[in-house]
Amino acid sequence: MDKKSVVVDELGRAGPYSHSVITGSMVYLSGQLGVKKGENNSFEDQFKRAASNVEKILKESNSSMKNIVKVVVYIKKKEDFEKMNKMFQDYFSLASPVRTTVVCSFPNDEALVELEITAVTN
């Protein structure tokens, strides 16, 4: 099995992992947070930044937002579910992916949402 690891330098990393791995026609992304030091870190802002990261990684991985097949959304507070649902529709409706939503805690105390993506290549 051939696989290619992709790292998007401008995004940085919190550890020794790839932003995505491509194998065959599949692209698997590491979870993307939207926390940014010195910026507004509301749920909405974090979701937008995480989705922007996803878009950048997919582009570098020979894919795009329309090629997403599955999204796992991790949220810190169940009270943010409705906000997430509306934003999810705005960012992912073109792909109509399957989705799982998990309420959890994060190692980064400021994190409110994380997006984990599976897509196909162009």
C-alpha atoms as a PDB file:
ATOM      1  CA  MET A   1       0.000   0.000   0.000  1.00  0.00           C
ATOM      2  CA  ASP A   2       1.377   3.378  -0.996  1.00  0.00           C
ATOM      3  CA  LYS A   3       0.756   6.319   1.262  1.00  0.00           C
ATOM      4  CA  LYS A   4       1.834   9.921   1.233  1.00  0.00           C
ATOM      5  CA  SER A   5       2.011  12.189   4.276  1.00  0.00           C
ATOM      6  CA  VAL A   6       1.147  15.869   3.867  1.00  0.00           C
ATOM      7  CA  VAL A   7       2.228  18.688   6.190  1.00  0.00           C
ATOM      8  CA  VAL A   8       1.059  22.269   5.566  1.00  0.00           C
ATOM      9  CA  ASP A   9       3.854  24.344   7.115  1.00  0.00           C
ATOM     10  CA  GLU A  10       1.774  27.499   7.658  1.00  0.00           C
ATOM     11  CA  LEU A  11      -0.597  25.606   9.976  1.00  0.00           C
ATOM     12  CA  GLY A  12       2.008  24.346  12.402  1.00  0.00           C
ATOM     13  CA  ARG A  13       1.564  21.175  14.455  1.00  0.00           C
ATOM     14  CA  ALA A  14       1.230  20.334  18.124  1.00  0.00           C
ATOM     15  CA  GLY A  15       3.153  17.084  17.747  1.00  0.00           C
ATOM     16  CA  PRO A  16       4.867  14.630  15.394  1.00  0.00           C
ATOM     17  CA  TYR A  17       1.994  13.871  13.007  1.00  0.00           C
ATOM     18  CA  SER A  18       0.923  14.595   9.438  1.00  0.00           C
ATOM     19  CA  HIS A  19      -1.908  16.965   8.604  1.00  0.00           C
ATOM     20  CA  SER A  20      -3.158  14.312   6.190  1.00  0.00           C
ATOM     21  CA  VAL A  21      -2.300  10.942   4.786  1.00  0.00           C
ATOM     22  CA  ILE A  22      -3.277   9.964   1.252  1.00  0.00           C
ATOM     23  CA  THR A  23      -3.635   6.300   0.367  1.00  0.00           C
ATOM     24  CA  GLY A  24      -5.214   5.220  -2.894  1.00  0.00           C
ATOM     25  CA  SER A  25      -8.054   7.664  -3.515  1.00  0.00           C
ATOM     26  CA  MET A  26      -8.650   8.352   0.191  1.00  0.00           C
ATOM     27  CA  VAL A  27      -7.467  11.346   2.244  1.00  0.00           C
ATOM     28  CA  TYR A  28      -7.490  11.161   6.045  1.00  0.00           C
ATOM     29  CA  LEU A  29      -7.009  14.409   7.980  1.00  0.00           C
ATOM     30  CA  SER A  30      -5.788  14.852  11.515  1.00  0.00           C
ATOM     31  CA  GLY A  31      -8.273  16.638  13.744  1.00  0.00           C
ATOM     32  CA  GLN A  32      -8.249  20.406  13.231  1.00  0.00           C
ATOM     33  CA  LEU A  33      -8.746  22.926  16.026  1.00  0.00           C
ATOM     34  CA  GLY A  34      -9.487  26.589  15.513  1.00  0.00           C
ATOM     35  CA  VAL A  35      -7.909  28.036  18.661  1.00  0.00           C
ATOM     36  CA  LYS A  36      -5.674  31.026  17.966  1.00  0.00           C
ATOM     37  CA  LYS A  37      -3.727  32.888  20.633  1.00  0.00           C
ATOM     38  CA  GLY A  38      -4.554  36.582  20.858  1.00  0.00           C
ATOM     39  CA  GLU A  39      -7.732  36.202  18.779  1.00  0.00           C
ATOM     40  CA  ASN A  40     -11.414  35.871  19.566  1.00  0.00           C
ATOM     41  CA  ASN A  41     -11.920  32.201  20.392  1.00  0.00           C
ATOM     42  CA  SER A  42     -15.699  31.970  20.366  1.00  0.00           C
ATOM     43  CA  PHE A  43     -17.208  28.712  19.153  1.00  0.00           C
ATOM     44  CA  GLU A  44     -18.054  30.306  15.808  1.00  0.00           C
ATOM     45  CA  ASP A  45     -14.548  31.709  15.303  1.00  0.00           C
ATOM     46  CA  GLN A  46     -12.930  28.392  16.184  1.00  0.00           C
ATOM     47  CA  PHE A  47     -15.247  26.499  13.835  1.00  0.00           C
ATOM     48  CA  LYS A  48     -14.429  28.900  10.960  1.00  0.00           C
ATOM     49  CA  ARG A  49     -10.678  28.608  11.545  1.00  0.00           C
ATOM     50  CA  ALA A  50     -10.841  24.801  11.820  1.00  0.00           C
ATOM     51  CA  ALA A  51     -12.841  24.632   8.556  1.00  0.00           C
ATOM     52  CA  SER A  52     -10.310  26.946   6.892  1.00  0.00           C
ATOM     53  CA  ASN A  53      -7.497  24.631   8.028  1.00  0.00           C
ATOM     54  CA  VAL A  54      -9.407  21.680   6.568  1.00  0.00           C
ATOM     55  CA  GLU A  55      -9.747  23.490   3.240  1.00  0.00           C
ATOM     56  CA  LYS A  56      -6.001  24.277   3.110  1.00  0.00           C
ATOM     57  CA  ILE A  57      -5.018  20.704   3.961  1.00  0.00           C
ATOM     58  CA  LEU A  58      -7.412  19.237   1.396  1.00  0.00           C
ATOM     59  CA  LYS A  59      -5.997  21.532  -1.293  1.00  0.00           C
ATOM     60  CA  GLU A  60      -2.454  20.332  -0.498  1.00  0.00           C
ATOM     61  CA  SER A  61      -3.776  16.749  -0.528  1.00  0.00           C
ATOM     62  CA  ASN A  62      -5.234  16.840  -4.062  1.00  0.00           C
ATOM     63  CA  SER A  63      -8.790  17.127  -2.750  1.00  0.00           C
ATOM     64  CA  SER A  64     -11.389  19.748  -1.849  1.00  0.00           C
ATOM     65  CA  MET A  65     -14.339  20.477   0.431  1.00  0.00           C
ATOM     66  CA  LYS A  66     -16.747  18.916  -2.099  1.00  0.00           C
ATOM     67  CA  ASN A  67     -14.867  15.601  -1.818  1.00  0.00           C
ATOM     68  CA  ILE A  68     -15.452  15.145   1.913  1.00  0.00           C
ATOM     69  CA  VAL A  69     -17.213  11.874   2.713  1.00  0.00           C
ATOM     70  CA  LYS A  70     -17.162  11.865   6.528  1.00  0.00           C
ATOM     71  CA  VAL A  71     -16.803  14.444   9.281  1.00  0.00           C
ATOM     72  CA  VAL A  72     -16.384  13.764  12.984  1.00  0.00           C
ATOM     73  CA  VAL A  73     -17.153  16.910  14.980  1.00  0.00           C
ATOM     74  CA  TYR A  74     -15.908  17.038  18.556  1.00  0.00           C
ATOM     75  CA  ILE A  75     -17.485  19.747  20.700  1.00  0.00           C
ATOM     76  CA  LYS A  76     -16.720  20.692  24.287  1.00  0.00           C
ATOM     77  CA  LYS A  77     -20.239  21.780  25.283  1.00  0.00           C
ATOM     78  CA  LYS A  78     -23.471  20.126  24.215  1.00  0.00           C
ATOM     79  CA  GLU A  79     -25.028  23.607  24.341  1.00  0.00           C
ATOM     80  CA  ASP A  80     -23.034  24.414  21.173  1.00  0.00           C
ATOM     81  CA  PHE A  81     -24.700  21.641  19.154  1.00  0.00           C
ATOM     82  CA  GLU A  82     -27.237  23.901  17.415  1.00  0.00           C
ATOM     83  CA  LYS A  83     -24.542  26.465  16.522  1.00  0.00           C
ATOM     84  CA  MET A  84     -22.413  23.627  15.168  1.00  0.00           C
ATOM     85  CA  ASN A  85     -25.325  22.253  13.153  1.00  0.00           C
ATOM     86  CA  LYS A  86     -25.937  25.605  11.434  1.00  0.00           C
ATOM     87  CA  MET A  87     -22.263  26.181  10.708  1.00  0.00           C
ATOM     88  CA  PHE A  88     -21.840  22.614   9.502  1.00  0.00           C
ATOM     89  CA  GLN A  89     -24.574  23.205   6.941  1.00  0.00           C
ATOM     90  CA  ASP A  90     -22.824  26.368   5.710  1.00  0.00           C
ATOM     91  CA  TYR A  91     -19.410  24.727   5.324  1.00  0.00           C
ATOM     92  CA  PHE A  92     -20.173  21.129   4.378  1.00  0.00           C
ATOM     93  CA  SER A  93     -23.544  21.080   2.553  1.00  0.00           C
ATOM     94  CA  LEU A  94     -21.848  20.927  -0.862  1.00  0.00           C
ATOM     95  CA  ALA A  95     -20.354  17.535   0.027  1.00  0.00           C
ATOM     96  CA  SER A  96     -23.350  16.142   1.975  1.00  0.00           C
ATOM     97  CA  PRO A  97     -20.997  14.009   4.085  1.00  0.00           C
ATOM     98  CA  VAL A  98     -21.921  11.594   6.834  1.00  0.00           C
ATOM     99  CA  ARG A  99     -21.276  12.999  10.298  1.00  0.00           C
ATOM    100  CA  THR A 100     -20.677  11.928  13.864  1.00  0.00           C
ATOM    101  CA  THR A 101     -20.793  14.455  16.717  1.00  0.00           C
ATOM    102  CA  VAL A 102     -19.052  13.770  20.010  1.00  0.00           C
ATOM    103  CA  VAL A 103     -19.178  15.879  23.186  1.00  0.00           C
ATOM    104  CA  CYS A 104     -15.772  15.660  24.877  1.00  0.00           C
ATOM    105  CA  SER A 105     -12.952  17.486  26.620  1.00  0.00           C
ATOM    106  CA  PHE A 106      -9.722  18.595  24.922  1.00  0.00           C
ATOM    107  CA  PRO A 107      -6.079  18.712  26.068  1.00  0.00           C
ATOM    108  CA  ASN A 108      -6.137  22.409  25.081  1.00  0.00           C
ATOM    109  CA  ASP A 109      -8.443  24.103  27.618  1.00  0.00           C
ATOM    110  CA  GLU A 110      -9.409  26.858  25.151  1.00  0.00           C
ATOM    111  CA  ALA A 111     -10.556  24.434  22.441  1.00  0.00           C
ATOM    112  CA  LEU A 112     -14.312  24.287  21.834  1.00  0.00           C
ATOM    113  CA  VAL A 113     -14.497  22.342  18.564  1.00  0.00           C
ATOM    114  CA  GLU A 114     -12.360  19.984  16.477  1.00  0.00           C
ATOM    115  CA  LEU A 115     -13.027  18.671  12.962  1.00  0.00           C
ATOM    116  CA  GLU A 116     -11.793  15.294  11.743  1.00  0.00           C
ATOM    117  CA  ILE A 117     -12.224  14.693   8.006  1.00  0.00           C
ATOM    118  CA  THR A 118     -12.154  11.800   5.553  1.00  0.00           C
ATOM    119  CA  ALA A 119     -12.283  12.684   1.857  1.00  0.00           C
ATOM    120  CA  VAL A 120     -11.520  11.320  -1.595  1.00  0.00           C
ATOM    121  CA  THR A 121      -8.948  12.779  -3.967  1.00  0.00           C
ATOM    122  CA  ASN A 122      -9.902  14.810  -7.047  1.00  0.00           C
END
